Amino acid sequence: MYTPKFQNEQTELLMNALLELQTPQEAYRFCEDVLTVQELKSITQRLEVAVMLRQKVTYQEIAHKTGASTATISRVNRSLQYGADGYHLVLDRLSEKAETQQK
């Protein structure tokens, strides 16, 4: 069983709030209210970096295509290799969903 490193009442509220979002439109609305534009850009950039790292794209190419620093790319790579598997969980599910929709 996974135990989060930063679990507390506040993070529990956030995680439960995220689970209540039912559509992409709701997710956009929530993120627009909760995150700054820069925070949203940072999160989306990290997710894009994770996708590219899983595709074995080089750091140089990732930096060029995303504008991410090598420090950010390295941090995402470390999470992919040694983290809580959150990136893998989400990206695997998105991939499965895309495959199902193509059929």
PDB file of N, CA and C in Angstrom:
ATOM      1  N   MET A   1       0.841  -1.183   0.000  1.00  0.00           N
ATOM      2  CA  MET A   1       0.000   0.000   0.000  1.00  0.00           C
ATOM      3  C   MET A   1       0.885   1.245   0.000  1.00  0.00           C
ATOM      4  N   TYR A   2       0.471   2.246  -0.749  1.00  0.00           N
ATOM      5  CA  TYR A   2       1.240   3.483  -0.869  1.00  0.00           C
ATOM      6  C   TYR A   2       0.856   4.454   0.235  1.00  0.00           C
ATOM      7  N   THR A   3       1.851   5.047   0.880  1.00  0.00           N
ATOM      8  CA  THR A   3       1.619   6.075   1.894  1.00  0.00           C
ATOM      9  C   THR A   3       2.238   7.376   1.400  1.00  0.00           C
ATOM     10  N   PRO A   4       1.411   8.405   1.165  1.00  0.00           N
ATOM     11  CA  PRO A   4       1.942   9.683   0.677  1.00  0.00           C
ATOM     12  C   PRO A   4       2.888  10.322   1.686  1.00  0.00           C
ATOM     13  N   LYS A   5       3.906  11.004   1.180  1.00  0.00           N
ATOM     14  CA  LYS A   5       4.887  11.666   2.029  1.00  0.00           C
ATOM     15  C   LYS A   5       4.344  12.952   2.634  1.00  0.00           C
ATOM     16  N   PHE A   6       3.360  13.546   1.992  1.00  0.00           N
ATOM     17  CA  PHE A   6       2.895  14.867   2.415  1.00  0.00           C
ATOM     18  C   PHE A   6       1.419  14.883   2.794  1.00  0.00           C
ATOM     19  N   GLN A   7       0.883  13.759   3.210  1.00  0.00           N
ATOM     20  CA  GLN A   7      -0.542  13.672   3.520  1.00  0.00           C
ATOM     21  C   GLN A   7      -0.872  14.402   4.815  1.00  0.00           C
ATOM     22  N   ASN A   8      -1.857  15.277   4.722  1.00  0.00           N
ATOM     23  CA  ASN A   8      -2.405  15.960   5.887  1.00  0.00           C
ATOM     24  C   ASN A   8      -3.829  16.385   5.546  1.00  0.00           C
ATOM     25  N   GLU A   9      -4.497  17.071   6.438  1.00  0.00           N
ATOM     26  CA  GLU A   9      -5.893  17.443   6.190  1.00  0.00           C
ATOM     27  C   GLU A   9      -6.047  18.306   4.947  1.00  0.00           C
ATOM     28  N   GLN A  10      -5.124  19.229   4.736  1.00  0.00           N
ATOM     29  CA  GLN A  10      -5.222  20.129   3.590  1.00  0.00           C
ATOM     30  C   GLN A  10      -5.012  19.383   2.268  1.00  0.00           C
ATOM     31  N   THR A  11      -4.001  18.518   2.222  1.00  0.00           N
ATOM     32  CA  THR A  11      -3.768  17.782   0.980  1.00  0.00           C
ATOM     33  C   THR A  11      -4.873  16.761   0.744  1.00  0.00           C
ATOM     34  N   GLU A  12      -5.416  16.223   1.809  1.00  0.00           N
ATOM     35  CA  GLU A  12      -6.539  15.287   1.686  1.00  0.00           C
ATOM     36  C   GLU A  12      -7.738  15.988   1.044  1.00  0.00           C
ATOM     37  N   LEU A  13      -7.993  17.217   1.461  1.00  0.00           N
ATOM     38  CA  LEU A  13      -9.086  18.003   0.881  1.00  0.00           C
ATOM     39  C   LEU A  13      -8.846  18.227  -0.609  1.00  0.00           C
ATOM     40  N   LEU A  14      -7.627  18.578  -0.976  1.00  0.00           N
ATOM     41  CA  LEU A  14      -7.304  18.800  -2.385  1.00  0.00           C
ATOM     42  C   LEU A  14      -7.476  17.526  -3.203  1.00  0.00           C
ATOM     43  N   MET A  15      -6.957  16.412  -2.720  1.00  0.00           N
ATOM     44  CA  MET A  15      -7.068  15.153  -3.464  1.00  0.00           C
ATOM     45  C   MET A  15      -8.533  14.754  -3.648  1.00  0.00           C
ATOM     46  N   ASN A  16      -9.325  14.915  -2.606  1.00  0.00           N
ATOM     47  CA  ASN A  16     -10.749  14.599  -2.718  1.00  0.00           C
ATOM     48  C   ASN A  16     -11.457  15.555  -3.665  1.00  0.00           C
ATOM     49  N   ALA A  17     -11.054  16.820  -3.663  1.00  0.00           N
ATOM     50  CA  ALA A  17     -11.636  17.794  -4.595  1.00  0.00           C
ATOM     51  C   ALA A  17     -11.327  17.387  -6.037  1.00  0.00           C
ATOM     52  N   LEU A  18     -10.089  16.978  -6.299  1.00  0.00           N
ATOM     53  CA  LEU A  18      -9.716  16.544  -7.649  1.00  0.00           C
ATOM     54  C   LEU A  18     -10.535  15.338  -8.093  1.00  0.00           C
ATOM     55  N   LEU A  19     -10.791  14.437  -7.170  1.00  0.00           N
ATOM     56  CA  LEU A  19     -11.574  13.245  -7.498  1.00  0.00           C
ATOM     57  C   LEU A  19     -13.034  13.558  -7.816  1.00  0.00           C
ATOM     58  N   GLU A  20     -13.501  14.716  -7.388  1.00  0.00           N
ATOM     59  CA  GLU A  20     -14.885  15.115  -7.667  1.00  0.00           C
ATOM     60  C   GLU A  20     -15.068  15.677  -9.076  1.00  0.00           C
ATOM     61  N   LEU A  21     -13.990  16.043  -9.736  1.00  0.00           N
ATOM     62  CA  LEU A  21     -14.087  16.603 -11.084  1.00  0.00           C
ATOM     63  C   LEU A  21     -14.475  15.500 -12.057  1.00  0.00           C
ATOM     64  N   GLN A  22     -15.514  15.758 -12.851  1.00  0.00           N
ATOM     65  CA  GLN A  22     -16.057  14.700 -13.696  1.00  0.00           C
ATOM     66  C   GLN A  22     -15.820  14.900 -15.187  1.00  0.00           C
ATOM     67  N   THR A  23     -15.467  16.098 -15.596  1.00  0.00           N
ATOM     68  CA  THR A  23     -15.259  16.365 -17.019  1.00  0.00           C
ATOM     69  C   THR A  23     -14.013  17.234 -17.195  1.00  0.00           C
ATOM     70  N   PRO A  24     -13.437  17.226 -18.392  1.00  0.00           N
ATOM     71  CA  PRO A  24     -12.316  18.134 -18.636  1.00  0.00           C
ATOM     72  C   PRO A  24     -12.708  19.593 -18.394  1.00  0.00           C
ATOM     73  N   GLN A  25     -13.915  19.965 -18.747  1.00  0.00           N
ATOM     74  CA  GLN A  25     -14.372  21.340 -18.540  1.00  0.00           C
ATOM     75  C   GLN A  25     -14.353  21.698 -17.054  1.00  0.00           C
ATOM     76  N   GLU A  26     -14.811  20.785 -16.209  1.00  0.00           N
ATOM     77  CA  GLU A  26     -14.763  21.025 -14.763  1.00  0.00           C
ATOM     78  C   GLU A  26     -13.315  21.147 -14.284  1.00  0.00           C
ATOM     79  N   ALA A  27     -12.445  20.320 -14.827  1.00  0.00           N
ATOM     80  CA  ALA A  27     -11.030  20.372 -14.442  1.00  0.00           C
ATOM     81  C   ALA A  27     -10.412  21.709 -14.835  1.00  0.00           C
ATOM     82  N   TYR A  28     -10.727  22.180 -16.042  1.00  0.00           N
ATOM     83  CA  TYR A  28     -10.237  23.500 -16.465  1.00  0.00           C
ATOM     84  C   TYR A  28     -10.717  24.581 -15.513  1.00  0.00           C
ATOM     85  N   ARG A  29     -11.989  24.552 -15.158  1.00  0.00           N
ATOM     86  CA  ARG A  29     -12.557  25.575 -14.274  1.00  0.00           C
ATOM     87  C   ARG A  29     -11.874  25.563 -12.915  1.00  0.00           C
ATOM     88  N   PHE A  30     -11.686  24.369 -12.366  1.00  0.00           N
ATOM     89  CA  PHE A  30     -11.051  24.250 -11.057  1.00  0.00           C
ATOM     90  C   PHE A  30      -9.602  24.741 -11.113  1.00  0.00           C
ATOM     91  N   CYS A  31      -8.869  24.278 -12.112  1.00  0.00           N
ATOM     92  CA  CYS A  31      -7.460  24.682 -12.231  1.00  0.00           C
ATOM     93  C   CYS A  31      -7.326  26.184 -12.434  1.00  0.00           C
ATOM     94  N   GLU A  32      -8.235  26.765 -13.196  1.00  0.00           N
ATOM     95  CA  GLU A  32      -8.186  28.210 -13.421  1.00  0.00           C
ATOM     96  C   GLU A  32      -8.370  28.977 -12.116  1.00  0.00           C
ATOM     97  N   ASP A  33      -9.191  28.446 -11.232  1.00  0.00           N
ATOM     98  CA  ASP A  33      -9.426  29.103  -9.946  1.00  0.00           C
ATOM     99  C   ASP A  33      -8.306  28.841  -8.938  1.00  0.00           C
ATOM    100  N   VAL A  34      -7.730  27.660  -8.963  1.00  0.00           N
ATOM    101  CA  VAL A  34      -6.784  27.248  -7.924  1.00  0.00           C
ATOM    102  C   VAL A  34      -5.330  27.565  -8.267  1.00  0.00           C
ATOM    103  N   LEU A  35      -4.978  27.479  -9.533  1.00  0.00           N
ATOM    104  CA  LEU A  35      -3.588  27.637  -9.945  1.00  0.00           C
ATOM    105  C   LEU A  35      -3.348  28.967 -10.649  1.00  0.00           C
ATOM    106  N   THR A  36      -2.138  29.473 -10.517  1.00  0.00           N
ATOM    107  CA  THR A  36      -1.749  30.616 -11.336  1.00  0.00           C
ATOM    108  C   THR A  36      -1.442  30.091 -12.739  1.00  0.00           C
ATOM    109  N   VAL A  37      -1.376  30.987 -13.689  1.00  0.00           N
ATOM    110  CA  VAL A  37      -1.035  30.594 -15.054  1.00  0.00           C
ATOM    111  C   VAL A  37       0.335  29.914 -15.067  1.00  0.00           C
ATOM    112  N   GLN A  38       1.283  30.451 -14.325  1.00  0.00           N
ATOM    113  CA  GLN A  38       2.633  29.874 -14.295  1.00  0.00           C
ATOM    114  C   GLN A  38       2.637  28.479 -13.663  1.00  0.00           C
ATOM    115  N   GLU A  39       1.863  28.285 -12.607  1.00  0.00           N
ATOM    116  CA  GLU A  39       1.782  26.959 -11.979  1.00  0.00           C
ATOM    117  C   GLU A  39       1.202  25.943 -12.955  1.00  0.00           C
ATOM    118  N   LEU A  40       0.162  26.331 -13.664  1.00  0.00           N
ATOM    119  CA  LEU A  40      -0.448  25.430 -14.642  1.00  0.00           C
ATOM    120  C   LEU A  40       0.535  25.111 -15.769  1.00  0.00           C
ATOM    121  N   LYS A  41       1.258  26.118 -16.241  1.00  0.00           N
ATOM    122  CA  LYS A  41       2.260  25.888 -17.285  1.00  0.00           C
ATOM    123  C   LYS A  41       3.346  24.938 -16.796  1.00  0.00           C
ATOM    124  N   SER A  42       3.777  25.093 -15.561  1.00  0.00           N
ATOM    125  CA  SER A  42       4.817  24.221 -15.001  1.00  0.00           C
ATOM    126  C   SER A  42       4.346  22.778 -14.911  1.00  0.00           C
ATOM    127  N   ILE A  43       3.132  22.581 -14.452  1.00  0.00           N
ATOM    128  CA  ILE A  43       2.585  21.226 -14.323  1.00  0.00           C
ATOM    129  C   ILE A  43       2.418  20.585 -15.694  1.00  0.00           C
ATOM    130  N   THR A  44       1.863  21.331 -16.646  1.00  0.00           N
ATOM    131  CA  THR A  44       1.662  20.764 -17.981  1.00  0.00           C
ATOM    132  C   THR A  44       3.001  20.478 -18.658  1.00  0.00           C
ATOM    133  N   GLN A  45       3.988  21.329 -18.416  1.00  0.00           N
ATOM    134  CA  GLN A  45       5.316  21.098 -18.982  1.00  0.00           C
ATOM    135  C   GLN A  45       5.916  19.811 -18.416  1.00  0.00           C
ATOM    136  N   ARG A  46       5.782  19.606 -17.118  1.00  0.00           N
ATOM    137  CA  ARG A  46       6.325  18.387 -16.496  1.00  0.00           C
ATOM    138  C   ARG A  46       5.661  17.140 -17.058  1.00  0.00           C
ATOM    139  N   LEU A  47       4.355  17.208 -17.268  1.00  0.00           N
ATOM    140  CA  LEU A  47       3.641  16.061 -17.825  1.00  0.00           C
ATOM    141  C   LEU A  47       4.120  15.782 -19.252  1.00  0.00           C
ATOM    142  N   GLU A  48       4.296  16.837 -20.035  1.00  0.00           N
ATOM    143  CA  GLU A  48       4.810  16.683 -21.396  1.00  0.00           C
ATOM    144  C   GLU A  48       6.220  16.087 -21.374  1.00  0.00           C
ATOM    145  N   VAL A  49       7.043  16.538 -20.452  1.00  0.00           N
ATOM    146  CA  VAL A  49       8.400  16.001 -20.300  1.00  0.00           C
ATOM    147  C   VAL A  49       8.332  14.513 -19.948  1.00  0.00           C
ATOM    148  N   ALA A  50       7.441  14.143 -19.052  1.00  0.00           N
ATOM    149  CA  ALA A  50       7.304  12.735 -18.658  1.00  0.00           C
ATOM    150  C   ALA A  50       6.921  11.869 -19.854  1.00  0.00           C
ATOM    151  N   VAL A  51       5.993  12.352 -20.661  1.00  0.00           N
ATOM    152  CA  VAL A  51       5.595  11.609 -21.866  1.00  0.00           C
ATOM    153  C   VAL A  51       6.809  11.390 -22.762  1.00  0.00           C
ATOM    154  N   MET A  52       7.567  12.444 -22.987  1.00  0.00           N
ATOM    155  CA  MET A  52       8.718  12.357 -23.884  1.00  0.00           C
ATOM    156  C   MET A  52       9.823  11.467 -23.314  1.00  0.00           C
ATOM    157  N   LEU A  53      10.041  11.538 -22.007  1.00  0.00           N
ATOM    158  CA  LEU A  53      11.043  10.665 -21.388  1.00  0.00           C
ATOM    159  C   LEU A  53      10.653   9.203 -21.546  1.00  0.00           C
ATOM    160  N   ARG A  54       9.388   8.911 -21.393  1.00  0.00           N
ATOM    161  CA  ARG A  54       8.930   7.524 -21.569  1.00  0.00           C
ATOM    162  C   ARG A  54       9.088   7.063 -23.013  1.00  0.00           C
ATOM    163  N   GLN A  55       9.104   8.019 -23.928  1.00  0.00           N
ATOM    164  CA  GLN A  55       9.316   7.698 -25.344  1.00  0.00           C
ATOM    165  C   GLN A  55      10.804   7.672 -25.695  1.00  0.00           C
ATOM    166  N   LYS A  56      11.657   7.820 -24.680  1.00  0.00           N
ATOM    167  CA  LYS A  56      13.121   7.766 -24.839  1.00  0.00           C
ATOM    168  C   LYS A  56      13.677   8.934 -25.658  1.00  0.00           C
ATOM    169  N   VAL A  57      13.005  10.081 -25.604  1.00  0.00           N
ATOM    170  CA  VAL A  57      13.500  11.287 -26.263  1.00  0.00           C
ATOM    171  C   VAL A  57      14.664  11.827 -25.429  1.00  0.00           C
ATOM    172  N   THR A  58      15.675  12.362 -26.082  1.00  0.00           N
ATOM    173  CA  THR A  58      16.854  12.865 -25.371  1.00  0.00           C
ATOM    174  C   THR A  58      16.528  14.146 -24.603  1.00  0.00           C
ATOM    175  N   TYR A  59      17.320  14.394 -23.566  1.00  0.00           N
ATOM    176  CA  TYR A  59      17.162  15.622 -22.781  1.00  0.00           C
ATOM    177  C   TYR A  59      17.232  16.851 -23.684  1.00  0.00           C
ATOM    178  N   GLN A  60      18.194  16.847 -24.604  1.00  0.00           N
ATOM    179  CA  GLN A  60      18.385  17.991 -25.500  1.00  0.00           C
ATOM    180  C   GLN A  60      17.133  18.269 -26.315  1.00  0.00           C
ATOM    181  N   GLU A  61      16.565  17.228 -26.881  1.00  0.00           N
ATOM    182  CA  GLU A  61      15.371  17.392 -27.707  1.00  0.00           C
ATOM    183  C   GLU A  61      14.173  17.818 -26.858  1.00  0.00           C
ATOM    184  N   ILE A  62      14.057  17.255 -25.667  1.00  0.00           N
ATOM    185  CA  ILE A  62      12.970  17.642 -24.763  1.00  0.00           C
ATOM    186  C   ILE A  62      13.096  19.117 -24.405  1.00  0.00           C
ATOM    187  N   ALA A  63      14.302  19.539 -24.050  1.00  0.00           N
ATOM    188  CA  ALA A  63      14.529  20.943 -23.696  1.00  0.00           C
ATOM    189  C   ALA A  63      14.176  21.852 -24.862  1.00  0.00           C
ATOM    190  N   HIS A  64      14.562  21.451 -26.063  1.00  0.00           N
ATOM    191  CA  HIS A  64      14.286  22.257 -27.252  1.00  0.00           C
ATOM    192  C   HIS A  64      12.783  22.343 -27.530  1.00  0.00           C
ATOM    193  N   LYS A  65      12.082  21.212 -27.449  1.00  0.00           N
ATOM    194  CA  LYS A  65      10.659  21.178 -27.799  1.00  0.00           C
ATOM    195  C   LYS A  65       9.755  21.761 -26.723  1.00  0.00           C
ATOM    196  N   THR A  66      10.148  21.632 -25.457  1.00  0.00           N
ATOM    197  CA  THR A  66       9.259  22.064 -24.371  1.00  0.00           C
ATOM    198  C   THR A  66       9.694  23.356 -23.698  1.00  0.00           C
ATOM    199  N   GLY A  67      10.955  23.695 -23.843  1.00  0.00           N
ATOM    200  CA  GLY A  67      11.479  24.853 -23.123  1.00  0.00           C
ATOM    201  C   GLY A  67      11.836  24.536 -21.679  1.00  0.00           C
ATOM    202  N   ALA A  68      11.709  23.271 -21.293  1.00  0.00           N
ATOM    203  CA  ALA A  68      12.040  22.863 -19.924  1.00  0.00           C
ATOM    204  C   ALA A  68      13.549  22.894 -19.718  1.00  0.00           C
ATOM    205  N   SER A  69      13.948  23.265 -18.524  1.00  0.00           N
ATOM    206  CA  SER A  69      15.374  23.250 -18.189  1.00  0.00           C
ATOM    207  C   SER A  69      15.821  21.808 -17.977  1.00  0.00           C
ATOM    208  N   THR A  70      17.126  21.587 -18.073  1.00  0.00           N
ATOM    209  CA  THR A  70      17.629  20.236 -17.820  1.00  0.00           C
ATOM    210  C   THR A  70      17.380  19.835 -16.366  1.00  0.00           C
ATOM    211  N   ALA A  71      17.324  20.806 -15.462  1.00  0.00           N
ATOM    212  CA  ALA A  71      17.011  20.499 -14.058  1.00  0.00           C
ATOM    213  C   ALA A  71      15.586  19.964 -13.935  1.00  0.00           C
ATOM    214  N   THR A  72      14.650  20.575 -14.648  1.00  0.00           N
ATOM    215  CA  THR A  72      13.258  20.104 -14.627  1.00  0.00           C
ATOM    216  C   THR A  72      13.162  18.722 -15.251  1.00  0.00           C
ATOM    217  N   ILE A  73      13.825  18.539 -16.373  1.00  0.00           N
ATOM    218  CA  ILE A  73      13.802  17.234 -17.048  1.00  0.00           C
ATOM    219  C   ILE A  73      14.387  16.166 -16.134  1.00  0.00           C
ATOM    220  N   SER A  74      15.483  16.480 -15.474  1.00  0.00           N
ATOM    221  CA  SER A  74      16.120  15.547 -14.550  1.00  0.00           C
ATOM    222  C   SER A  74      15.203  15.216 -13.377  1.00  0.00           C
ATOM    223  N   ARG A  75      14.524  16.224 -12.853  1.00  0.00           N
ATOM    224  CA  ARG A  75      13.602  16.020 -11.730  1.00  0.00           C
ATOM    225  C   ARG A  75      12.456  15.092 -12.138  1.00  0.00           C
ATOM    226  N   VAL A  76      11.903  15.321 -13.320  1.00  0.00           N
ATOM    227  CA  VAL A  76      10.820  14.460 -13.811  1.00  0.00           C
ATOM    228  C   VAL A  76      11.347  13.049 -14.036  1.00  0.00           C
ATOM    229  N   ASN A  77      12.528  12.930 -14.607  1.00  0.00           N
ATOM    230  CA  ASN A  77      13.118  11.614 -14.841  1.00  0.00           C
ATOM    231  C   ASN A  77      13.332  10.861 -13.532  1.00  0.00           C
ATOM    232  N   ARG A  78      13.791  11.577 -12.521  1.00  0.00           N
ATOM    233  CA  ARG A  78      13.987  10.967 -11.199  1.00  0.00           C
ATOM    234  C   ARG A  78      12.649  10.469 -10.645  1.00  0.00           C
ATOM    235  N   SER A  79      11.596  11.254 -10.830  1.00  0.00           N
ATOM    236  CA  SER A  79      10.269  10.829 -10.376  1.00  0.00           C
ATOM    237  C   SER A  79       9.794   9.604 -11.136  1.00  0.00           C
ATOM    238  N   LEU A  80      10.071   9.569 -12.435  1.00  0.00           N
ATOM    239  CA  LEU A  80       9.680   8.404 -13.232  1.00  0.00           C
ATOM    240  C   LEU A  80      10.411   7.147 -12.767  1.00  0.00           C
ATOM    241  N   GLN A  81      11.670   7.301 -12.390  1.00  0.00           N
ATOM    242  CA  GLN A  81      12.474   6.143 -12.002  1.00  0.00           C
ATOM    243  C   GLN A  81      12.310   5.742 -10.538  1.00  0.00           C
ATOM    244  N   TYR A  82      12.205   6.729  -9.658  1.00  0.00           N
ATOM    245  CA  TYR A  82      12.253   6.431  -8.225  1.00  0.00           C
ATOM    246  C   TYR A  82      11.082   7.001  -7.433  1.00  0.00           C
ATOM    247  N   GLY A  83      10.122   7.596  -8.115  1.00  0.00           N
ATOM    248  CA  GLY A  83       9.027   8.266  -7.424  1.00  0.00           C
ATOM    249  C   GLY A  83       7.906   7.324  -7.013  1.00  0.00           C
ATOM    250  N   ALA A  84       6.747   7.892  -6.816  1.00  0.00           N
ATOM    251  CA  ALA A  84       5.575   7.162  -6.325  1.00  0.00           C
ATOM    252  C   ALA A  84       4.765   6.525  -7.450  1.00  0.00           C
ATOM    253  N   ASP A  85       5.292   6.543  -8.666  1.00  0.00           N
ATOM    254  CA  ASP A  85       4.645   5.980  -9.857  1.00  0.00           C
ATOM    255  C   ASP A  85       3.384   6.725 -10.283  1.00  0.00           C
ATOM    256  N   GLY A  86       3.224   7.946  -9.812  1.00  0.00           N
ATOM    257  CA  GLY A  86       2.059   8.745 -10.202  1.00  0.00           C
ATOM    258  C   GLY A  86       2.046   9.078 -11.685  1.00  0.00           C
ATOM    259  N   TYR A  87       3.206   9.454 -12.223  1.00  0.00           N
ATOM    260  CA  TYR A  87       3.276   9.729 -13.666  1.00  0.00           C
ATOM    261  C   TYR A  87       2.894   8.480 -14.452  1.00  0.00           C
ATOM    262  N   HIS A  88       3.482   7.343 -14.088  1.00  0.00           N
ATOM    263  CA  HIS A  88       3.202   6.102 -14.812  1.00  0.00           C
ATOM    264  C   HIS A  88       1.722   5.733 -14.716  1.00  0.00           C
ATOM    265  N   LEU A  89       1.150   5.886 -13.548  1.00  0.00           N
ATOM    266  CA  LEU A  89      -0.262   5.568 -13.347  1.00  0.00           C
ATOM    267  C   LEU A  89      -1.135   6.375 -14.301  1.00  0.00           C
ATOM    268  N   VAL A  90      -0.936   7.677 -14.312  1.00  0.00           N
ATOM    269  CA  VAL A  90      -1.756   8.559 -15.141  1.00  0.00           C
ATOM    270  C   VAL A  90      -1.479   8.344 -16.627  1.00  0.00           C
ATOM    271  N   LEU A  91      -0.213   8.282 -17.003  1.00  0.00           N
ATOM    272  CA  LEU A  91       0.116   8.142 -18.419  1.00  0.00           C
ATOM    273  C   LEU A  91      -0.298   6.786 -18.974  1.00  0.00           C
ATOM    274  N   ASP A  92      -0.203   5.731 -18.177  1.00  0.00           N
ATOM    275  CA  ASP A  92      -0.681   4.416 -18.615  1.00  0.00           C
ATOM    276  C   ASP A  92      -2.189   4.444 -18.841  1.00  0.00           C
ATOM    277  N   ARG A  93      -2.910   5.068 -17.933  1.00  0.00           N
ATOM    278  CA  ARG A  93      -4.368   5.146 -18.077  1.00  0.00           C
ATOM    279  C   ARG A  93      -4.764   5.986 -19.284  1.00  0.00           C
ATOM    280  N   LEU A  94      -4.079   7.088 -19.497  1.00  0.00           N
ATOM    281  CA  LEU A  94      -4.374   7.920 -20.671  1.00  0.00           C
ATOM    282  C   LEU A  94      -4.086   7.155 -21.958  1.00  0.00           C
ATOM    283  N   SER A  95      -3.006   6.393 -21.960  1.00  0.00           N
ATOM    284  CA  SER A  95      -2.646   5.595 -23.127  1.00  0.00           C
ATOM    285  C   SER A  95      -3.693   4.517 -23.394  1.00  0.00           C
ATOM    286  N   GLU A  96      -4.122   3.835 -22.348  1.00  0.00           N
ATOM    287  CA  GLU A  96      -5.158   2.805 -22.483  1.00  0.00           C
ATOM    288  C   GLU A  96      -6.457   3.408 -22.997  1.00  0.00           C
ATOM    289  N   LYS A  97      -6.806   4.565 -22.481  1.00  0.00           N
ATOM    290  CA  LYS A  97      -8.032   5.243 -22.905  1.00  0.00           C
ATOM    291  C   LYS A  97      -7.950   5.627 -24.381  1.00  0.00           C
ATOM    292  N   ALA A  98      -6.808   6.133 -24.806  1.00  0.00           N
ATOM    293  CA  ALA A  98      -6.616   6.512 -26.209  1.00  0.00           C
ATOM    294  C   ALA A  98      -6.717   5.288 -27.115  1.00  0.00           C
ATOM    295  N   GLU A  99      -6.132   4.174 -26.690  1.00  0.00           N
ATOM    296  CA  GLU A  99      -6.201   2.941 -27.475  1.00  0.00           C
ATOM    297  C   GLU A  99      -7.631   2.446 -27.592  1.00  0.00           C
ATOM    298  N   THR A 100      -8.381   2.510 -26.508  1.00  0.00           N
ATOM    299  CA  THR A 100      -9.776   2.072 -26.504  1.00  0.00           C
ATOM    300  C   THR A 100     -10.615   2.939 -27.432  1.00  0.00           C
ATOM    301  N   GLN A 101     -10.367   4.235 -27.429  1.00  0.00           N
ATOM    302  CA  GLN A 101     -11.137   5.153 -28.264  1.00  0.00           C
ATOM    303  C   GLN A 101     -10.816   4.987 -29.743  1.00  0.00           C
ATOM    304  N   GLN A 102      -9.632   4.468 -30.067  1.00  0.00           N
ATOM    305  CA  GLN A 102      -9.252   4.256 -31.461  1.00  0.00           C
ATOM    306  C   GLN A 102      -9.910   3.021 -32.054  1.00  0.00           C
ATOM    307  N   LYS A 103     -10.389   2.143 -31.213  1.00  0.00           N
ATOM    308  CA  LYS A 103     -10.991   0.885 -31.692  1.00  0.00           C
ATOM    309  C   LYS A 103     -12.406   1.089 -32.154  1.00  0.00           C
TER     310      LYS A 103
END
